[in-house]
C-alpha atoms as a PDB file:
ATOM      1  CA  UNK A   1      41.569   6.661 -16.307  1.00  0.00           C
ATOM      2  CA  UNK A   2      38.119   7.644 -15.115  1.00  0.00           C
ATOM      3  CA  UNK A   3      35.179   5.309 -14.680  1.00  0.00           C
ATOM      4  CA  UNK A   4      31.731   7.083 -14.662  1.00  0.00           C
ATOM      5  CA  UNK A   5      29.569   5.764 -11.984  1.00  0.00           C
ATOM      6  CA  UNK A   6      26.326   6.889 -13.131  1.00  0.00           C
ATOM      7  CA  UNK A   7      24.617   8.001 -16.541  1.00  0.00           C
ATOM      8  CA  UNK A   8      22.622  10.788 -14.942  1.00  0.00           C
ATOM      9  CA  UNK A   9      23.185  13.235 -12.253  1.00  0.00           C
ATOM     10  CA  UNK A  10      22.446  11.651  -8.815  1.00  0.00           C
ATOM     11  CA  UNK A  11      19.076  12.246  -7.099  1.00  0.00           C
ATOM     12  CA  UNK A  12      18.059  11.248  -3.683  1.00  0.00           C
ATOM     13  CA  UNK A  13      14.737   9.315  -4.211  1.00  0.00           C
ATOM     14  CA  UNK A  14      14.103   8.529  -0.579  1.00  0.00           C
ATOM     15  CA  UNK A  15      11.472  10.184   1.817  1.00  0.00           C
ATOM     16  CA  UNK A  16      13.086  12.676   4.061  1.00  0.00           C
ATOM     17  CA  UNK A  17      11.057  13.569   7.201  1.00  0.00           C
ATOM     18  CA  UNK A  18      12.067  16.497   9.156  1.00  0.00           C
ATOM     19  CA  UNK A  19      11.104  16.832  13.091  1.00  0.00           C
ATOM     20  CA  UNK A  20      11.013  19.728  15.169  1.00  0.00           C
ATOM     21  CA  UNK A  21      13.553  19.516  17.640  1.00  0.00           C
ATOM     22  CA  UNK A  22      11.046  20.191  20.863  1.00  0.00           C
ATOM     23  CA  UNK A  23       8.549  17.588  19.455  1.00  0.00           C
ATOM     24  CA  UNK A  24       8.572  14.200  20.887  1.00  0.00           C
ATOM     25  CA  UNK A  25       7.148  11.072  19.306  1.00  0.00           C
ATOM     26  CA  UNK A  26       5.835   8.591  21.330  1.00  0.00           C
ATOM     27  CA  UNK A  27       5.286   5.899  18.460  1.00  0.00           C
ATOM     28  CA  UNK A  28       7.218   2.732  17.992  1.00  0.00           C
ATOM     29  CA  UNK A  29       7.780   3.066  14.292  1.00  0.00           C
ATOM     30  CA  UNK A  30       9.588   6.569  14.998  1.00  0.00           C
ATOM     31  CA  UNK A  31      11.166   6.162  18.347  1.00  0.00           C
ATOM     32  CA  UNK A  32      14.424   6.525  16.873  1.00  0.00           C
ATOM     33  CA  UNK A  33      13.842   9.536  14.963  1.00  0.00           C
ATOM     34  CA  UNK A  34      15.852  12.587  15.252  1.00  0.00           C
ATOM     35  CA  UNK A  35      15.952  16.025  13.575  1.00  0.00           C
ATOM     36  CA  UNK A  36      16.134  14.432  10.076  1.00  0.00           C
ATOM     37  CA  UNK A  37      15.194  10.974   8.946  1.00  0.00           C
ATOM     38  CA  UNK A  38      15.549   9.331   5.503  1.00  0.00           C
ATOM     39  CA  UNK A  39      12.880   6.500   4.894  1.00  0.00           C
ATOM     40  CA  UNK A  40      13.323   3.883   2.221  1.00  0.00           C
ATOM     41  CA  UNK A  41       9.945   2.480   1.570  1.00  0.00           C
ATOM     42  CA  UNK A  42       9.430  -0.422  -0.769  1.00  0.00           C
ATOM     43  CA  UNK A  43       6.292  -1.025  -2.467  1.00  0.00           C
ATOM     44  CA  UNK A  44       4.450  -4.425  -1.877  1.00  0.00           C
ATOM     45  CA  UNK A  45       5.637  -5.885  -5.241  1.00  0.00           C
ATOM     46  CA  UNK A  46       9.273  -4.930  -4.232  1.00  0.00           C
ATOM     47  CA  UNK A  47      11.480  -6.199  -1.863  1.00  0.00           C
ATOM     48  CA  UNK A  48      14.738  -4.733   0.274  1.00  0.00           C
ATOM     49  CA  UNK A  49      17.998  -5.933  -1.353  1.00  0.00           C
ATOM     50  CA  UNK A  50      21.638  -5.682  -0.103  1.00  0.00           C
ATOM     51  CA  UNK A  51      22.170  -3.172  -3.098  1.00  0.00           C
ATOM     52  CA  UNK A  52      19.465  -0.961  -1.763  1.00  0.00           C
ATOM     53  CA  UNK A  53      20.830  -0.807   1.751  1.00  0.00           C
ATOM     54  CA  UNK A  54      24.044   0.448   0.204  1.00  0.00           C
ATOM     55  CA  UNK A  55      22.398   2.825  -2.188  1.00  0.00           C
ATOM     56  CA  UNK A  56      20.549   4.565   0.904  1.00  0.00           C
ATOM     57  CA  UNK A  57      23.492   4.710   3.002  1.00  0.00           C
ATOM     58  CA  UNK A  58      25.152   6.551   0.180  1.00  0.00           C
ATOM     59  CA  UNK A  59      22.408   8.962   0.150  1.00  0.00           C
ATOM     60  CA  UNK A  60      22.503   9.387   3.910  1.00  0.00           C
ATOM     61  CA  UNK A  61      26.105  10.491   3.539  1.00  0.00           C
ATOM     62  CA  UNK A  62      25.654  12.704   0.382  1.00  0.00           C
ATOM     63  CA  UNK A  63      22.523  14.168   2.059  1.00  0.00           C
ATOM     64  CA  UNK A  64      24.759  15.420   4.921  1.00  0.00           C
ATOM     65  CA  UNK A  65      27.582  16.883   2.384  1.00  0.00           C
ATOM     66  CA  UNK A  66      26.004  20.464   2.162  1.00  0.00           C
ATOM     67  CA  UNK A  67      26.516  22.349   5.565  1.00  0.00           C
ATOM     68  CA  UNK A  68      23.044  23.565   5.546  1.00  0.00           C
ATOM     69  CA  UNK A  69      21.526  19.693   5.429  1.00  0.00           C
ATOM     70  CA  UNK A  70      22.758  18.941   9.035  1.00  0.00           C
ATOM     71  CA  UNK A  71      25.101  16.770  10.875  1.00  0.00           C
ATOM     72  CA  UNK A  72      25.237  12.814  10.683  1.00  0.00           C
ATOM     73  CA  UNK A  73      24.344  12.487  14.048  1.00  0.00           C
ATOM     74  CA  UNK A  74      20.955  14.371  13.567  1.00  0.00           C
ATOM     75  CA  UNK A  75      20.234  11.908  10.979  1.00  0.00           C
ATOM     76  CA  UNK A  76      18.242   8.588  10.947  1.00  0.00           C
ATOM     77  CA  UNK A  77      17.659   5.810   8.311  1.00  0.00           C
ATOM     78  CA  UNK A  78      14.505   3.637   8.049  1.00  0.00           C
ATOM     79  CA  UNK A  79      13.855   0.887   5.575  1.00  0.00           C
ATOM     80  CA  UNK A  80      10.045  -0.121   5.241  1.00  0.00           C
ATOM     81  CA  UNK A  81       9.192  -3.336   3.418  1.00  0.00           C
ATOM     82  CA  UNK A  82       6.952  -6.134   3.041  1.00  0.00           C
ATOM     83  CA  UNK A  83       8.572  -9.433   3.333  1.00  0.00           C
ATOM     84  CA  UNK A  84      11.624 -10.013   5.821  1.00  0.00           C
ATOM     85  CA  UNK A  85      14.783  -9.113   4.103  1.00  0.00           C
ATOM     86  CA  UNK A  86      16.658 -12.099   5.274  1.00  0.00           C
ATOM     87  CA  UNK A  87      19.501 -11.354   2.839  1.00  0.00           C
ATOM     88  CA  UNK A  88      19.796  -7.788   4.000  1.00  0.00           C
ATOM     89  CA  UNK A  89      19.685  -8.724   7.769  1.00  0.00           C
ATOM     90  CA  UNK A  90      22.221 -11.627   7.333  1.00  0.00           C
ATOM     91  CA  UNK A  91      24.666  -9.065   5.482  1.00  0.00           C
ATOM     92  CA  UNK A  92      24.502  -6.505   8.306  1.00  0.00           C
ATOM     93  CA  UNK A  93      25.253  -9.290  10.706  1.00  0.00           C
ATOM     94  CA  UNK A  94      28.176 -11.113   9.074  1.00  0.00           C
ATOM     95  CA  UNK A  95      29.516  -8.016   7.015  1.00  0.00           C
ATOM     96  CA  UNK A  96      29.193  -5.071   9.373  1.00  0.00           C
ATOM     97  CA  UNK A  97      28.938  -7.246  12.491  1.00  0.00           C
ATOM     98  CA  UNK A  98      25.727  -5.130  13.608  1.00  0.00           C
ATOM     99  CA  UNK A  99      23.515  -6.345  16.195  1.00  0.00           C
ATOM    100  CA  UNK A 100      19.806  -6.639  14.977  1.00  0.00           C
ATOM    101  CA  UNK A 101      17.002  -6.454  17.602  1.00  0.00           C
ATOM    102  CA  UNK A 102      13.261  -6.805  17.094  1.00  0.00           C
ATOM    103  CA  UNK A 103      12.251  -4.397  19.595  1.00  0.00           C
ATOM    104  CA  UNK A 104       8.836  -4.426  18.899  1.00  0.00           C
ATOM    105  CA  UNK A 105       6.986  -6.742  16.527  1.00  0.00           C
ATOM    106  CA  UNK A 106       7.938  -5.954  12.729  1.00  0.00           C
ATOM    107  CA  UNK A 107      10.534  -3.076  14.030  1.00  0.00           C
ATOM    108  CA  UNK A 108      14.102  -4.128  13.929  1.00  0.00           C
ATOM    109  CA  UNK A 109      16.649  -1.893  15.334  1.00  0.00           C
ATOM    110  CA  UNK A 110      20.344  -1.781  13.783  1.00  0.00           C
ATOM    111  CA  UNK A 111      22.987  -1.303  16.152  1.00  0.00           C
ATOM    112  CA  UNK A 112      26.709  -1.247  16.186  1.00  0.00           C
ATOM    113  CA  UNK A 113      29.108  -4.176  17.340  1.00  0.00           C
ATOM    114  CA  UNK A 114      29.691  -2.478  20.943  1.00  0.00           C
ATOM    115  CA  UNK A 115      33.152  -1.293  20.065  1.00  0.00           C
ATOM    116  CA  UNK A 116      31.642   2.271  18.981  1.00  0.00           C
ATOM    117  CA  UNK A 117      28.539   4.173  19.065  1.00  0.00           C
ATOM    118  CA  UNK A 118      26.615   4.442  15.641  1.00  0.00           C
ATOM    119  CA  UNK A 119      26.095   8.063  14.624  1.00  0.00           C
ATOM    120  CA  UNK A 120      23.049   7.246  12.472  1.00  0.00           C
ATOM    121  CA  UNK A 121      20.238   5.119  14.121  1.00  0.00           C
ATOM    122  CA  UNK A 122      18.754   2.526  11.629  1.00  0.00           C
ATOM    123  CA  UNK A 123      15.922   0.521  11.763  1.00  0.00           C
ATOM    124  CA  UNK A 124      13.842  -2.230   9.391  1.00  0.00           C
ATOM    125  CA  UNK A 125      10.211  -2.066   9.489  1.00  0.00           C
ATOM    126  CA  UNK A 126       8.353  -5.165   8.064  1.00  0.00           C
ATOM    127  CA  UNK A 127       4.751  -4.102   7.340  1.00  0.00           C
ATOM    128  CA  UNK A 128       3.203  -7.597   7.880  1.00  0.00           C
ATOM    129  CA  UNK A 129       4.592  -8.035  11.357  1.00  0.00           C
ATOM    130  CA  UNK A 130       3.053  -4.631  12.309  1.00  0.00           C
ATOM    131  CA  UNK A 131       0.203  -4.796  14.838  1.00  0.00           C
ATOM    132  CA  UNK A 132      -2.678  -3.306  13.125  1.00  0.00           C
ATOM    133  CA  UNK A 133      -4.294  -1.858  16.298  1.00  0.00           C
ATOM    134  CA  UNK A 134      -1.099   0.145  17.078  1.00  0.00           C
ATOM    135  CA  UNK A 135       0.158   0.927  13.603  1.00  0.00           C
ATOM    136  CA  UNK A 136      -3.120   1.130  11.600  1.00  0.00           C
ATOM    137  CA  UNK A 137      -1.898   3.115   8.522  1.00  0.00           C
ATOM    138  CA  UNK A 138       1.607   1.612   7.767  1.00  0.00           C
ATOM    139  CA  UNK A 139       0.410  -2.104   8.487  1.00  0.00           C
ATOM    140  CA  UNK A 140      -2.493  -1.783   6.104  1.00  0.00           C
ATOM    141  CA  UNK A 141      -0.556  -0.203   3.110  1.00  0.00           C
ATOM    142  CA  UNK A 142      -0.366  -3.393   1.128  1.00  0.00           C
ATOM    143  CA  UNK A 143      -2.240  -5.758  -1.090  1.00  0.00           C
ATOM    144  CA  UNK A 144      -5.044  -8.215  -0.358  1.00  0.00           C
ATOM    145  CA  UNK A 145      -6.127  -6.247   3.044  1.00  0.00           C
ATOM    146  CA  UNK A 146      -8.820  -7.629   4.731  1.00  0.00           C
ATOM    147  CA  UNK A 147     -12.482  -6.044   4.393  1.00  0.00           C
ATOM    148  CA  UNK A 148     -12.418  -5.308   8.365  1.00  0.00           C
ATOM    149  CA  UNK A 149      -8.893  -3.561   7.779  1.00  0.00           C
ATOM    150  CA  UNK A 150     -10.182  -1.499   5.062  1.00  0.00           C
ATOM    151  CA  UNK A 151     -13.152  -0.496   7.113  1.00  0.00           C
ATOM    152  CA  UNK A 152     -10.994   0.514   9.788  1.00  0.00           C
ATOM    153  CA  UNK A 153      -8.818   2.583   7.847  1.00  0.00           C
ATOM    154  CA  UNK A 154     -11.650   4.502   6.205  1.00  0.00           C
ATOM    155  CA  UNK A 155     -13.441   5.009   9.564  1.00  0.00           C
ATOM    156  CA  UNK A 156     -10.403   6.653  10.763  1.00  0.00           C
ATOM    157  CA  UNK A 157      -9.744   8.709   7.562  1.00  0.00           C
ATOM    158  CA  UNK A 158     -13.210  10.100   8.124  1.00  0.00           C
ATOM    159  CA  UNK A 159     -12.284  11.273  11.605  1.00  0.00           C
ATOM    160  CA  UNK A 160      -9.245  13.364  10.231  1.00  0.00           C
ATOM    161  CA  UNK A 161      -9.868  17.019   8.955  1.00  0.00           C
ATOM    162  CA  UNK A 162     -10.403  17.126   5.098  1.00  0.00           C
ATOM    163  CA  UNK A 163      -7.689  19.411   4.642  1.00  0.00           C
ATOM    164  CA  UNK A 164      -4.991  16.948   5.868  1.00  0.00           C
ATOM    165  CA  UNK A 165      -2.397  15.431   3.597  1.00  0.00           C
ATOM    166  CA  UNK A 166      -4.207  11.851   3.113  1.00  0.00           C
ATOM    167  CA  UNK A 167      -4.205  11.958  -0.631  1.00  0.00           C
ATOM    168  CA  UNK A 168      -1.090   9.894  -1.302  1.00  0.00           C
ATOM    169  CA  UNK A 169      -1.983   7.542   1.074  1.00  0.00           C
ATOM    170  CA  UNK A 170      -5.437   6.845   0.008  1.00  0.00           C
ATOM    171  CA  UNK A 171      -4.587   6.539  -3.821  1.00  0.00           C
ATOM    172  CA  UNK A 172      -2.077   3.712  -2.769  1.00  0.00           C
ATOM    173  CA  UNK A 173      -4.879   2.173  -0.775  1.00  0.00           C
ATOM    174  CA  UNK A 174      -7.222   2.244  -3.483  1.00  0.00           C
ATOM    175  CA  UNK A 175      -4.775   1.180  -6.489  1.00  0.00           C
ATOM    176  CA  UNK A 176      -3.876  -1.823  -4.517  1.00  0.00           C
ATOM    177  CA  UNK A 177      -7.169  -2.737  -2.959  1.00  0.00           C
ATOM    178  CA  UNK A 178      -9.508  -1.400  -5.304  1.00  0.00           C
ATOM    179  CA  UNK A 179     -12.359  -4.240  -4.954  1.00  0.00           C
ATOM    180  CA  UNK A 180     -12.236  -4.335  -1.322  1.00  0.00           C
ATOM    181  CA  UNK A 181     -12.622  -0.693  -1.024  1.00  0.00           C
ATOM    182  CA  UNK A 182     -15.524  -0.695  -3.232  1.00  0.00           C
ATOM    183  CA  UNK A 183     -17.010  -3.392  -1.147  1.00  0.00           C
ATOM    184  CA  UNK A 184     -16.485  -1.183   2.121  1.00  0.00           C
ATOM    185  CA  UNK A 185     -17.997   1.958   0.654  1.00  0.00           C
ATOM    186  CA  UNK A 186     -21.130   0.062   0.227  1.00  0.00           C
ATOM    187  CA  UNK A 187     -21.461   0.423   3.752  1.00  0.00           C
ATOM    188  CA  UNK A 188     -19.782   3.786   4.499  1.00  0.00           C
ATOM    189  CA  UNK A 189     -20.436   7.320   3.835  1.00  0.00           C
ATOM    190  CA  UNK A 190     -17.156   8.215   2.036  1.00  0.00           C
ATOM    191  CA  UNK A 191     -17.826  11.059  -0.605  1.00  0.00           C
ATOM    192  CA  UNK A 192     -14.914  12.888   0.913  1.00  0.00           C
ATOM    193  CA  UNK A 193     -12.839  10.373  -1.315  1.00  0.00           C
ATOM    194  CA  UNK A 194     -14.581  11.019  -4.541  1.00  0.00           C
ATOM    195  CA  UNK A 195     -11.439  12.902  -5.998  1.00  0.00           C
ATOM    196  CA  UNK A 196      -9.160  10.070  -5.161  1.00  0.00           C
ATOM    197  CA  UNK A 197     -11.341   7.532  -6.641  1.00  0.00           C
ATOM    198  CA  UNK A 198     -11.353   9.327 -10.044  1.00  0.00           C
ATOM    199  CA  UNK A 199      -7.673  10.081  -9.727  1.00  0.00           C
ATOM    200  CA  UNK A 200      -7.069   6.489  -9.487  1.00  0.00           C
ATOM    201  CA  UNK A 201      -9.612   5.516 -12.545  1.00  0.00           C
ATOM    202  CA  UNK A 202     -11.477   3.480  -9.921  1.00  0.00           C
ATOM    203  CA  UNK A 203     -14.385   5.534 -10.057  1.00  0.00           C
ATOM    204  CA  UNK A 204     -14.737   5.269 -13.997  1.00  0.00           C
ATOM    205  CA  UNK A 205     -14.055   1.435 -13.767  1.00  0.00           C
ATOM    206  CA  UNK A 206     -16.753   1.037 -11.017  1.00  0.00           C
ATOM    207  CA  UNK A 207     -19.640   3.183 -13.416  1.00  0.00           C
ATOM    208  CA  UNK A 208     -18.443   1.165 -16.702  1.00  0.00           C
ATOM    209  CA  UNK A 209     -18.723  -2.185 -14.751  1.00  0.00           C
ATOM    210  CA  UNK A 210     -22.187  -1.151 -13.181  1.00  0.00           C
ATOM    211  CA  UNK A 211     -23.564  -0.223 -16.711  1.00  0.00           C
ATOM    212  CA  UNK A 212     -22.374  -3.175 -18.334  1.00  0.00           C
ATOM    213  CA  UNK A 213     -24.034  -5.361 -15.354  1.00  0.00           C
ATOM    214  CA  UNK A 214     -27.009  -3.469 -15.939  1.00  0.00           C
ATOM    215  CA  UNK A 215     -27.280  -4.199 -19.624  1.00  0.00           C
ATOM    216  CA  UNK A 216     -26.475  -7.641 -19.168  1.00  0.00           C
ATOM    217  CA  UNK A 217     -29.342  -8.007 -16.494  1.00  0.00           C
ATOM    218  CA  UNK A 218     -31.615  -6.341 -18.920  1.00  0.00           C
ATOM    219  CA  UNK A 219     -30.802  -9.063 -21.438  1.00  0.00           C
ATOM    220  CA  UNK A 220     -31.350 -11.952 -19.300  1.00  0.00           C
ATOM    221  CA  UNK A 221     -34.554 -10.371 -18.217  1.00  0.00           C
ATOM    222  CA  UNK A 222     -35.907  -9.892 -21.824  1.00  0.00           C
ATOM    223  CA  UNK A 223     -34.958 -13.317 -22.601  1.00  0.00           C
ATOM    224  CA  UNK A 224     -37.091 -14.596 -19.952  1.00  0.00           C
ATOM    225  CA  UNK A 225     -39.978 -12.598 -21.131  1.00  0.00           C
ATOM    226  CA  UNK A 226     -39.449 -14.155 -24.627  1.00  0.00           C
ATOM    227  CA  UNK A 227     -39.379 -17.357 -23.227  1.00  0.00           C
ATOM    228  CA  UNK A 228     -42.909 -16.900 -21.245  1.00  0.00           C
ATOM    229  CA  UNK A 229     -44.508 -15.762 -24.511  1.00  0.00           C
ATOM    230  CA  UNK A 230     -43.544 -18.390 -26.344  1.00  0.00           C
ATOM    231  CA  UNK A 231     -44.238 -20.994 -23.735  1.00  0.00           C
ATOM    232  CA  UNK A 232     -47.667 -19.630 -23.580  1.00  0.00           C
ATOM    233  CA  UNK A 233     -47.843 -20.209 -27.513  1.00  0.00           C
ATOM    234  CA  UNK A 234     -46.977 -23.820 -26.842  1.00  0.00           C
ATOM    235  CA  UNK A 235     -43.876 -23.231 -28.834  1.00  0.00           C
ATOM    236  CA  UNK A 236     -41.294 -26.207 -28.578  1.00  0.00           C
ATOM    237  CA  UNK A 237     -38.826 -25.959 -25.735  1.00  0.00           C
ATOM    238  CA  UNK A 238     -36.026 -26.318 -28.479  1.00  0.00           C
ATOM    239  CA  UNK A 239     -37.275 -23.571 -30.414  1.00  0.00           C
ATOM    240  CA  UNK A 240     -37.304 -21.546 -26.988  1.00  0.00           C
ATOM    241  CA  UNK A 241     -33.849 -22.821 -26.308  1.00  0.00           C
ATOM    242  CA  UNK A 242     -32.540 -21.339 -29.629  1.00  0.00           C
ATOM    243  CA  UNK A 243     -34.090 -18.044 -29.315  1.00  0.00           C
ATOM    244  CA  UNK A 244     -33.614 -17.140 -25.988  1.00  0.00           C
ATOM    245  CA  UNK A 245     -30.384 -18.741 -25.130  1.00  0.00           C
ATOM    246  CA  UNK A 246     -31.801 -19.998 -21.710  1.00  0.00           C
ATOM    247  CA  UNK A 247     -31.349 -23.471 -20.406  1.00  0.00           C
ATOM    248  CA  UNK A 248     -34.037 -26.143 -20.206  1.00  0.00           C
ATOM    249  CA  UNK A 249     -34.029 -25.729 -16.189  1.00  0.00           C
ATOM    250  CA  UNK A 250     -34.723 -21.918 -16.579  1.00  0.00           C
ATOM    251  CA  UNK A 251     -37.217 -22.643 -19.102  1.00  0.00           C
ATOM    252  CA  UNK A 252     -38.894 -25.389 -16.920  1.00  0.00           C
ATOM    253  CA  UNK A 253     -39.781 -22.992 -13.995  1.00  0.00           C
ATOM    254  CA  UNK A 254     -41.457 -20.124 -16.180  1.00  0.00           C
END
């Protein structure tokens, strides 16, 4: 009896980073990288589950199935999440008997039980634990990023050549921290990001909000002007309140 495992053809939906053989990466988050590296990235709203772990491991083995994709000992797996995946860590220890070592802040290396050598290095990266001074880009790819952190990211982004592939990163940063980015931009020259702000819809929202605030300010100023004239004509306060919508305290200081 056949049992269909999926409704659609299988597609690998993890990021695959290929590294040139002679390149040495001196970076904590990529210390385990080999020739080909599968990266499972979880958004700030999502969490890493045991099911995710099994799915990514299945992807890893499927990826190595065609001969041209490479060998499994040329592959690494990285899980990136915001919150600590306690259930996953417990599963790896209790079921697979893996040893988990936090080699650097926020970076947990997953190794075998000592009886065999793992052909596929693995790691879990928890963004909130990463030191922003060393892992600026990844540590700040989150919601509720501080003013100082957004400013640091934009300052560094402005130093990078315009043709660099920054679009996807900046898109995510703006979508997750729109108001904070706007606050920082008041103090920065970041016209280089204009297209990205338009793509996210942020520019349109900022313009609409500014226009609405301008209209509201105009209405308030007009009300004060009407109140001044009525007060000069000795109109009763009750009438001025009714016509302008101002408070007694606002009228009293005119």
